[in-house]
Amino acid sequence: MGRFILLAGPSGVGKGPLFAALRRFYPDLAGNLKQVVLYNSRAPRPGEEDGVDYHFRPREEIEALRGKPGYAVADVRGDLQALEVATTQPILDAGHDAFFEGNPFIPARLREAPELAGIPLLTVFLSPLSRDELEYLAAPERRVDLAAFVTDVMRRKLLRRTKRQKTNLSLRDLENLEKRAASAIVELREAWKFDHVIPNHDGEDSENWDAFYYAIGDARRALLAFAAVLRGEEPTGAEKWERGLLEPKCVH
């Protein structure tokens, strides 16, 4: 039986480019990952396809799945997402690894799903900042508002990504971007629940993924670490965070 591989992190952190790079440079590893498609209450973004990226459904339809056996439902930045757990079984029975790439709140719900009891879970969190950077910024003597700092980091990444997708941004685009950026600090607090945390400064806005064909910079380091995790090797540069890492520190 295969495993359930969960790759999660804040919006714009680079999950999509990481998986694309895995397909390009490690086709054997990527070929064994069969993506699980979730339900999503939001509208499709440019380039997304119903049934491929998500099953896009009205919010009330997904809300009706909450508490229903066989479904894991999570609130994701104001939207609802849901996984029909049974869709993973044919993948696992065929000896492949089921693969989910998306928001950090879904893995927590999946760990609670009785239908997944006994199925090996491998969880990876992609973070825009390293543990060392977060500890440095959170030191009381620096008086840094960590939530505001992380929001600004992700706001810039998301703005660059969105400008690449759309020439003119509407007020709704900017509001959605701000909501995603502000959610990043909350999502980072989920990272301690994951088996591995891979720091990556090259988000979806970075040219380091594909401008030179070969990934360079943090994009390359994240790719090497993720490939090592999938092989069951000890990944260089990956971290394990403890609970409370991002809680406010008091000055004594």
C-alpha atoms as a PDB file:
ATOM      1  CA  MET A   1       0.000   0.000   0.000  1.00  0.00           C
ATOM      2  CA  GLY A   2       1.198   3.513  -0.790  1.00  0.00           C
ATOM      3  CA  ARG A   3       1.473   6.560   1.428  1.00  0.00           C
ATOM      4  CA  PHE A   4      -0.479   9.785   1.673  1.00  0.00           C
ATOM      5  CA  ILE A   5       1.926  12.661   0.944  1.00  0.00           C
ATOM      6  CA  LEU A   6       0.818  16.098   2.141  1.00  0.00           C
ATOM      7  CA  LEU A   7       2.648  19.230   0.937  1.00  0.00           C
ATOM      8  CA  ALA A   8       1.314  22.413   2.485  1.00  0.00           C
ATOM      9  CA  GLY A   9       2.211  26.036   3.189  1.00  0.00           C
ATOM     10  CA  PRO A  10       0.909  29.592   2.852  1.00  0.00           C
ATOM     11  CA  SER A  11      -0.450  30.835  -0.462  1.00  0.00           C
ATOM     12  CA  GLY A  12       2.356  31.922  -2.788  1.00  0.00           C
ATOM     13  CA  VAL A  13       5.135  30.109  -0.904  1.00  0.00           C
ATOM     14  CA  GLY A  14       6.085  28.008  -3.944  1.00  0.00           C
ATOM     15  CA  LYS A  15       4.222  24.693  -3.599  1.00  0.00           C
ATOM     16  CA  GLY A  16       3.116  24.642  -7.241  1.00  0.00           C
ATOM     17  CA  PRO A  17       6.562  25.431  -8.715  1.00  0.00           C
ATOM     18  CA  LEU A  18       8.141  22.883  -6.370  1.00  0.00           C
ATOM     19  CA  PHE A  19       5.893  20.112  -7.648  1.00  0.00           C
ATOM     20  CA  ALA A  20       6.437  21.243 -11.254  1.00  0.00           C
ATOM     21  CA  ALA A  21      10.212  21.099 -10.703  1.00  0.00           C
ATOM     22  CA  LEU A  22       9.864  17.632  -9.177  1.00  0.00           C
ATOM     23  CA  ARG A  23       8.082  16.464 -12.342  1.00  0.00           C
ATOM     24  CA  ARG A  24      10.816  17.957 -14.518  1.00  0.00           C
ATOM     25  CA  PHE A  25      13.905  16.738 -12.663  1.00  0.00           C
ATOM     26  CA  TYR A  26      12.643  13.712 -10.737  1.00  0.00           C
ATOM     27  CA  PRO A  27      10.005  12.153 -13.004  1.00  0.00           C
ATOM     28  CA  ASP A  28      10.309   8.807 -11.204  1.00  0.00           C
ATOM     29  CA  LEU A  29       9.347  10.342  -7.869  1.00  0.00           C
ATOM     30  CA  ALA A  30       6.673  12.616  -9.329  1.00  0.00           C
ATOM     31  CA  GLY A  31       5.224   9.790 -11.401  1.00  0.00           C
ATOM     32  CA  ASN A  32       4.434   7.822  -8.266  1.00  0.00           C
ATOM     33  CA  LEU A  33       2.428  10.744  -6.822  1.00  0.00           C
ATOM     34  CA  LYS A  34      -1.216  10.759  -7.868  1.00  0.00           C
ATOM     35  CA  GLN A  35      -2.896  14.029  -6.987  1.00  0.00           C
ATOM     36  CA  VAL A  36      -6.050  14.034  -4.901  1.00  0.00           C
ATOM     37  CA  VAL A  37      -8.583  16.636  -6.027  1.00  0.00           C
ATOM     38  CA  LEU A  38     -10.452  18.519  -3.302  1.00  0.00           C
ATOM     39  CA  TYR A  39     -13.758  20.377  -3.355  1.00  0.00           C
ATOM     40  CA  ASN A  40     -13.451  24.169  -3.106  1.00  0.00           C
ATOM     41  CA  SER A  41     -16.117  26.824  -2.606  1.00  0.00           C
ATOM     42  CA  ARG A  42     -14.162  29.638  -4.280  1.00  0.00           C
ATOM     43  CA  ALA A  43     -14.247  30.544  -7.957  1.00  0.00           C
ATOM     44  CA  PRO A  44     -11.477  29.200 -10.230  1.00  0.00           C
ATOM     45  CA  ARG A  45      -8.409  31.384 -10.734  1.00  0.00           C
ATOM     46  CA  PRO A  46      -6.982  32.042 -14.193  1.00  0.00           C
ATOM     47  CA  GLY A  47      -5.732  28.780 -15.680  1.00  0.00           C
ATOM     48  CA  GLU A  48      -7.475  26.498 -13.159  1.00  0.00           C
ATOM     49  CA  GLU A  49      -9.755  23.695 -14.372  1.00  0.00           C
ATOM     50  CA  ASP A  50     -12.716  22.143 -12.632  1.00  0.00           C
ATOM     51  CA  GLY A  51     -11.961  18.523 -11.774  1.00  0.00           C
ATOM     52  CA  VAL A  52      -8.221  19.009 -12.281  1.00  0.00           C
ATOM     53  CA  ASP A  53      -7.177  21.658  -9.751  1.00  0.00           C
ATOM     54  CA  TYR A  54     -10.302  21.432  -7.591  1.00  0.00           C
ATOM     55  CA  HIS A  55     -13.930  20.429  -7.810  1.00  0.00           C
ATOM     56  CA  PHE A  56     -15.410  23.936  -7.706  1.00  0.00           C
ATOM     57  CA  ARG A  57     -18.822  23.795  -5.993  1.00  0.00           C
ATOM     58  CA  PRO A  58     -21.210  26.232  -4.245  1.00  0.00           C
ATOM     59  CA  ARG A  59     -20.383  26.861  -0.607  1.00  0.00           C
ATOM     60  CA  GLU A  60     -23.656  25.394   0.653  1.00  0.00           C
ATOM     61  CA  GLU A  61     -22.932  22.131  -1.176  1.00  0.00           C
ATOM     62  CA  ILE A  62     -19.571  21.760   0.578  1.00  0.00           C
ATOM     63  CA  GLU A  63     -21.011  22.914   3.915  1.00  0.00           C
ATOM     64  CA  ALA A  64     -23.430  19.982   3.696  1.00  0.00           C
ATOM     65  CA  LEU A  65     -20.446  17.600   3.743  1.00  0.00           C
ATOM     66  CA  ARG A  66     -19.261  18.821   7.159  1.00  0.00           C
ATOM     67  CA  GLY A  67     -19.593  16.010   9.679  1.00  0.00           C
ATOM     68  CA  LYS A  68     -20.582  13.535   6.986  1.00  0.00           C
ATOM     69  CA  PRO A  69     -18.638  10.243   7.258  1.00  0.00           C
ATOM     70  CA  GLY A  70     -15.868   9.971   4.701  1.00  0.00           C
ATOM     71  CA  TYR A  71     -15.301  13.702   4.243  1.00  0.00           C
ATOM     72  CA  ALA A  72     -12.731  16.048   5.765  1.00  0.00           C
ATOM     73  CA  VAL A  73     -13.875  19.695   5.626  1.00  0.00           C
ATOM     74  CA  ALA A  74     -11.798  22.743   6.562  1.00  0.00           C
ATOM     75  CA  ASP A  75     -12.214  26.509   6.537  1.00  0.00           C
ATOM     76  CA  VAL A  76      -9.458  27.988   4.378  1.00  0.00           C
ATOM     77  CA  ARG A  77      -9.126  31.795   4.454  1.00  0.00           C
ATOM     78  CA  GLY A  78     -12.890  32.233   4.310  1.00  0.00           C
ATOM     79  CA  ASP A  79     -13.451  29.501   1.718  1.00  0.00           C
ATOM     80  CA  LEU A  80     -14.447  25.893   2.358  1.00  0.00           C
ATOM     81  CA  GLN A  81     -12.415  22.941   1.128  1.00  0.00           C
ATOM     82  CA  ALA A  82     -13.280  19.277   1.455  1.00  0.00           C
ATOM     83  CA  LEU A  83     -11.705  15.949   0.627  1.00  0.00           C
ATOM     84  CA  GLU A  84     -13.659  12.804  -0.114  1.00  0.00           C
ATOM     85  CA  VAL A  85     -11.349  10.378   1.667  1.00  0.00           C
ATOM     86  CA  ALA A  86     -12.490   7.388  -0.420  1.00  0.00           C
ATOM     87  CA  THR A  87     -10.883   8.909  -3.526  1.00  0.00           C
ATOM     88  CA  THR A  88      -7.460   8.097  -2.075  1.00  0.00           C
ATOM     89  CA  GLN A  89      -8.097   4.359  -1.765  1.00  0.00           C
ATOM     90  CA  PRO A  90      -7.788   3.346  -5.458  1.00  0.00           C
ATOM     91  CA  ILE A  91      -4.491   5.268  -5.619  1.00  0.00           C
ATOM     92  CA  LEU A  92      -3.108   3.504  -2.554  1.00  0.00           C
ATOM     93  CA  ASP A  93      -4.362   0.093  -3.648  1.00  0.00           C
ATOM     94  CA  ALA A  94      -2.471   0.517  -6.929  1.00  0.00           C
ATOM     95  CA  GLY A  95       0.750   1.016  -4.957  1.00  0.00           C
ATOM     96  CA  HIS A  96       1.033   4.719  -5.690  1.00  0.00           C
ATOM     97  CA  ASP A  97       1.308   7.575  -3.216  1.00  0.00           C
ATOM     98  CA  ALA A  98      -1.755   9.818  -2.907  1.00  0.00           C
ATOM     99  CA  PHE A  99      -0.642  13.450  -3.067  1.00  0.00           C
ATOM    100  CA  PHE A 100      -2.216  16.596  -1.698  1.00  0.00           C
ATOM    101  CA  GLU A 101      -0.744  20.055  -2.289  1.00  0.00           C
ATOM    102  CA  GLY A 102      -2.450  23.001  -0.655  1.00  0.00           C
ATOM    103  CA  ASN A 103      -3.458  24.662   2.590  1.00  0.00           C
ATOM    104  CA  PRO A 104      -2.004  23.632   5.990  1.00  0.00           C
ATOM    105  CA  PHE A 105      -5.399  23.234   7.675  1.00  0.00           C
ATOM    106  CA  ILE A 106      -6.409  20.222   5.563  1.00  0.00           C
ATOM    107  CA  PRO A 107      -3.700  17.848   6.943  1.00  0.00           C
ATOM    108  CA  ALA A 108      -4.921  18.393  10.509  1.00  0.00           C
ATOM    109  CA  ARG A 109      -8.426  17.340   9.445  1.00  0.00           C
ATOM    110  CA  LEU A 110      -7.067  14.294   7.620  1.00  0.00           C
ATOM    111  CA  ARG A 111      -5.249  13.074  10.720  1.00  0.00           C
ATOM    112  CA  GLU A 112      -8.658  12.972  12.432  1.00  0.00           C
ATOM    113  CA  ALA A 113     -10.315  10.972   9.625  1.00  0.00           C
ATOM    114  CA  PRO A 114     -10.932   7.374  10.790  1.00  0.00           C
ATOM    115  CA  GLU A 115     -10.912   6.222   7.155  1.00  0.00           C
ATOM    116  CA  LEU A 116      -7.178   7.019   6.997  1.00  0.00           C
ATOM    117  CA  ALA A 117      -6.273   5.061  10.122  1.00  0.00           C
ATOM    118  CA  GLY A 118      -3.360   2.776   9.316  1.00  0.00           C
ATOM    119  CA  ILE A 119      -2.372   4.626   6.148  1.00  0.00           C
ATOM    120  CA  PRO A 120       1.161   6.090   6.376  1.00  0.00           C
ATOM    121  CA  LEU A 121       1.086   9.904   6.282  1.00  0.00           C
ATOM    122  CA  LEU A 122       4.129  11.939   5.258  1.00  0.00           C
ATOM    123  CA  THR A 123       3.671  15.656   5.842  1.00  0.00           C
ATOM    124  CA  VAL A 124       5.870  18.470   4.510  1.00  0.00           C
ATOM    125  CA  PHE A 125       5.436  22.184   5.222  1.00  0.00           C
ATOM    126  CA  LEU A 126       6.986  24.773   2.896  1.00  0.00           C
ATOM    127  CA  SER A 127       7.824  27.930   4.854  1.00  0.00           C
ATOM    128  CA  PRO A 128       8.751  31.400   3.519  1.00  0.00           C
ATOM    129  CA  LEU A 129      11.142  31.881   6.455  1.00  0.00           C
ATOM    130  CA  SER A 130      13.527  29.596   8.298  1.00  0.00           C
ATOM    131  CA  ARG A 131      13.365  28.721  11.967  1.00  0.00           C
ATOM    132  CA  ASP A 132      16.510  30.794  12.601  1.00  0.00           C
ATOM    133  CA  GLU A 133      15.008  33.852  10.905  1.00  0.00           C
ATOM    134  CA  LEU A 134      11.764  33.566  12.838  1.00  0.00           C
ATOM    135  CA  GLU A 135      13.584  33.202  16.165  1.00  0.00           C
ATOM    136  CA  TYR A 136      15.793  36.183  15.317  1.00  0.00           C
ATOM    137  CA  LEU A 137      12.807  38.361  14.426  1.00  0.00           C
ATOM    138  CA  ALA A 138      10.751  37.206  17.422  1.00  0.00           C
ATOM    139  CA  ALA A 139      13.431  38.085  20.006  1.00  0.00           C
ATOM    140  CA  PRO A 140      11.808  40.585  22.418  1.00  0.00           C
ATOM    141  CA  GLU A 141      14.648  43.091  22.153  1.00  0.00           C
ATOM    142  CA  ARG A 142      13.926  43.613  18.441  1.00  0.00           C
ATOM    143  CA  ARG A 143      10.297  44.580  19.056  1.00  0.00           C
ATOM    144  CA  VAL A 144       9.248  43.212  15.682  1.00  0.00           C
ATOM    145  CA  ASP A 145       5.560  42.601  15.071  1.00  0.00           C
ATOM    146  CA  LEU A 146       6.060  39.123  13.637  1.00  0.00           C
ATOM    147  CA  ALA A 147       2.537  38.847  12.241  1.00  0.00           C
ATOM    148  CA  ALA A 148       2.922  42.151  10.378  1.00  0.00           C
ATOM    149  CA  PHE A 149       6.391  41.159   9.142  1.00  0.00           C
ATOM    150  CA  VAL A 150       5.214  37.786   7.756  1.00  0.00           C
ATOM    151  CA  THR A 151       2.174  39.460   6.202  1.00  0.00           C
ATOM    152  CA  ASP A 152       4.424  41.942   4.392  1.00  0.00           C
ATOM    153  CA  VAL A 153       6.708  39.166   3.130  1.00  0.00           C
ATOM    154  CA  MET A 154       3.782  37.238   1.685  1.00  0.00           C
ATOM    155  CA  ARG A 155       2.003  40.371   0.411  1.00  0.00           C
ATOM    156  CA  ARG A 156       5.018  41.157  -1.784  1.00  0.00           C
ATOM    157  CA  LYS A 157       5.247  37.595  -3.085  1.00  0.00           C
ATOM    158  CA  LEU A 158       1.533  37.412  -3.838  1.00  0.00           C
ATOM    159  CA  LEU A 159       1.492  40.833  -5.490  1.00  0.00           C
ATOM    160  CA  ARG A 160       4.311  39.863  -7.845  1.00  0.00           C
ATOM    161  CA  ARG A 161       2.623  36.544  -8.631  1.00  0.00           C
ATOM    162  CA  THR A 162      -0.764  38.143  -9.253  1.00  0.00           C
ATOM    163  CA  LYS A 163       0.732  40.819 -11.513  1.00  0.00           C
ATOM    164  CA  ARG A 164       2.225  38.040 -13.621  1.00  0.00           C
ATOM    165  CA  GLN A 165      -1.248  36.490 -13.938  1.00  0.00           C
ATOM    166  CA  LYS A 166      -3.181  39.731 -14.509  1.00  0.00           C
ATOM    167  CA  THR A 167      -2.125  43.059 -15.989  1.00  0.00           C
ATOM    168  CA  ASN A 168      -4.744  45.105 -14.145  1.00  0.00           C
ATOM    169  CA  LEU A 169      -5.715  44.214 -10.586  1.00  0.00           C
ATOM    170  CA  SER A 170      -9.229  44.880  -9.350  1.00  0.00           C
ATOM    171  CA  LEU A 171     -10.171  45.897  -5.814  1.00  0.00           C
ATOM    172  CA  ARG A 172     -11.410  42.346  -5.283  1.00  0.00           C
ATOM    173  CA  ASP A 173      -8.019  40.977  -6.389  1.00  0.00           C
ATOM    174  CA  LEU A 174      -6.250  43.206  -3.869  1.00  0.00           C
ATOM    175  CA  GLU A 175      -8.656  42.291  -1.067  1.00  0.00           C
ATOM    176  CA  ASN A 176      -8.152  38.582  -1.775  1.00  0.00           C
ATOM    177  CA  LEU A 177      -4.386  39.064  -1.847  1.00  0.00           C
ATOM    178  CA  GLU A 178      -4.448  40.858   1.500  1.00  0.00           C
ATOM    179  CA  LYS A 179      -6.548  38.103   3.064  1.00  0.00           C
ATOM    180  CA  ARG A 180      -4.081  35.458   1.919  1.00  0.00           C
ATOM    181  CA  ALA A 181      -1.078  37.443   3.116  1.00  0.00           C
ATOM    182  CA  ALA A 182      -2.628  38.042   6.550  1.00  0.00           C
ATOM    183  CA  SER A 183      -3.452  34.340   6.896  1.00  0.00           C
ATOM    184  CA  ALA A 184       0.195  33.279   6.502  1.00  0.00           C
ATOM    185  CA  ILE A 185       1.171  33.757  10.164  1.00  0.00           C
ATOM    186  CA  VAL A 186      -1.800  31.640  11.280  1.00  0.00           C
ATOM    187  CA  GLU A 187      -0.792  28.938   8.815  1.00  0.00           C
ATOM    188  CA  LEU A 188       2.838  29.042   9.954  1.00  0.00           C
ATOM    189  CA  ARG A 189       1.600  28.150  13.434  1.00  0.00           C
ATOM    190  CA  GLU A 190       0.436  24.829  11.958  1.00  0.00           C
ATOM    191  CA  ALA A 191       3.966  23.906  10.832  1.00  0.00           C
ATOM    192  CA  TRP A 192       4.934  22.150  14.086  1.00  0.00           C
ATOM    193  CA  LYS A 193       2.384  19.440  13.260  1.00  0.00           C
ATOM    194  CA  PHE A 194       4.317  18.442  10.110  1.00  0.00           C
ATOM    195  CA  ASP A 195       7.092  15.856   9.810  1.00  0.00           C
ATOM    196  CA  HIS A 196       9.372  18.225   7.896  1.00  0.00           C
ATOM    197  CA  VAL A 197       9.536  21.995   7.419  1.00  0.00           C
ATOM    198  CA  ILE A 198      11.453  23.166   4.334  1.00  0.00           C
ATOM    199  CA  PRO A 199      12.414  26.873   4.350  1.00  0.00           C
ATOM    200  CA  ASN A 200      12.110  28.457   0.918  1.00  0.00           C
ATOM    201  CA  HIS A 201      12.493  32.139   0.045  1.00  0.00           C
ATOM    202  CA  ASP A 202      11.791  31.524  -3.652  1.00  0.00           C
ATOM    203  CA  GLY A 203       8.003  31.658  -3.759  1.00  0.00           C
ATOM    204  CA  GLU A 204       5.789  31.407  -6.802  1.00  0.00           C
ATOM    205  CA  ASP A 205       6.941  34.882  -7.790  1.00  0.00           C
ATOM    206  CA  SER A 206      10.577  33.801  -8.228  1.00  0.00           C
ATOM    207  CA  GLU A 207      12.360  33.215 -11.538  1.00  0.00           C
ATOM    208  CA  ASN A 208      14.712  30.785  -9.797  1.00  0.00           C
ATOM    209  CA  TRP A 209      12.342  27.920 -10.541  1.00  0.00           C
ATOM    210  CA  ASP A 210      12.421  27.937 -14.314  1.00  0.00           C
ATOM    211  CA  ALA A 211      13.986  31.048 -15.897  1.00  0.00           C
ATOM    212  CA  PHE A 212      17.299  29.202 -16.340  1.00  0.00           C
ATOM    213  CA  TYR A 213      15.729  25.730 -16.837  1.00  0.00           C
ATOM    214  CA  TYR A 214      17.659  24.369 -13.843  1.00  0.00           C
ATOM    215  CA  ALA A 215      16.357  25.513 -10.475  1.00  0.00           C
ATOM    216  CA  ILE A 216      18.805  27.686  -8.543  1.00  0.00           C
ATOM    217  CA  GLY A 217      18.937  29.358  -5.123  1.00  0.00           C
ATOM    218  CA  ASP A 218      16.402  28.343  -2.507  1.00  0.00           C
ATOM    219  CA  ALA A 219      14.242  26.797  -5.230  1.00  0.00           C
ATOM    220  CA  ARG A 220      16.963  24.212  -5.833  1.00  0.00           C
ATOM    221  CA  ARG A 221      17.541  23.617  -2.118  1.00  0.00           C
ATOM    222  CA  ALA A 222      13.816  23.107  -1.525  1.00  0.00           C
ATOM    223  CA  LEU A 223      13.617  20.721  -4.487  1.00  0.00           C
ATOM    224  CA  LEU A 224      16.556  18.626  -3.234  1.00  0.00           C
ATOM    225  CA  ALA A 225      15.087  18.471   0.264  1.00  0.00           C
ATOM    226  CA  PHE A 226      11.636  17.448  -0.976  1.00  0.00           C
ATOM    227  CA  ALA A 227      13.114  14.749  -3.227  1.00  0.00           C
ATOM    228  CA  ALA A 228      15.115  13.392  -0.279  1.00  0.00           C
ATOM    229  CA  VAL A 229      11.979  13.280   1.891  1.00  0.00           C
ATOM    230  CA  LEU A 230      10.112  11.304  -0.764  1.00  0.00           C
ATOM    231  CA  ARG A 231      12.989   8.822  -1.011  1.00  0.00           C
ATOM    232  CA  GLY A 232      12.972   8.319   2.748  1.00  0.00           C
ATOM    233  CA  GLU A 233      16.392   9.948   3.141  1.00  0.00           C
ATOM    234  CA  GLU A 234      17.440  12.535   5.710  1.00  0.00           C
ATOM    235  CA  PRO A 235      16.849  15.858   3.916  1.00  0.00           C
ATOM    236  CA  THR A 236      19.563  18.509   4.107  1.00  0.00           C
ATOM    237  CA  GLY A 237      18.140  21.854   5.180  1.00  0.00           C
ATOM    238  CA  ALA A 238      14.757  20.573   6.361  1.00  0.00           C
ATOM    239  CA  GLU A 239      13.698  21.457   9.895  1.00  0.00           C
ATOM    240  CA  LYS A 240      11.403  20.225  12.641  1.00  0.00           C
ATOM    241  CA  TRP A 241       9.551  22.942  14.545  1.00  0.00           C
ATOM    242  CA  GLU A 242       8.206  22.597  18.047  1.00  0.00           C
ATOM    243  CA  ARG A 243       4.852  23.803  19.255  1.00  0.00           C
ATOM    244  CA  GLY A 244       4.917  27.408  20.447  1.00  0.00           C
ATOM    245  CA  LEU A 245       7.788  28.495  18.210  1.00  0.00           C
ATOM    246  CA  LEU A 246       5.719  31.405  16.886  1.00  0.00           C
ATOM    247  CA  GLU A 247       4.073  32.391  20.141  1.00  0.00           C
ATOM    248  CA  PRO A 248       4.921  35.898  21.429  1.00  0.00           C
ATOM    249  CA  LYS A 249       7.958  36.120  23.711  1.00  0.00           C
ATOM    250  CA  CYS A 250       7.923  38.306  26.816  1.00  0.00           C
ATOM    251  CA  VAL A 251      10.671  40.719  27.810  1.00  0.00           C
ATOM    252  CA  HIS A 252      11.971  39.963  31.324  1.00  0.00           C
END
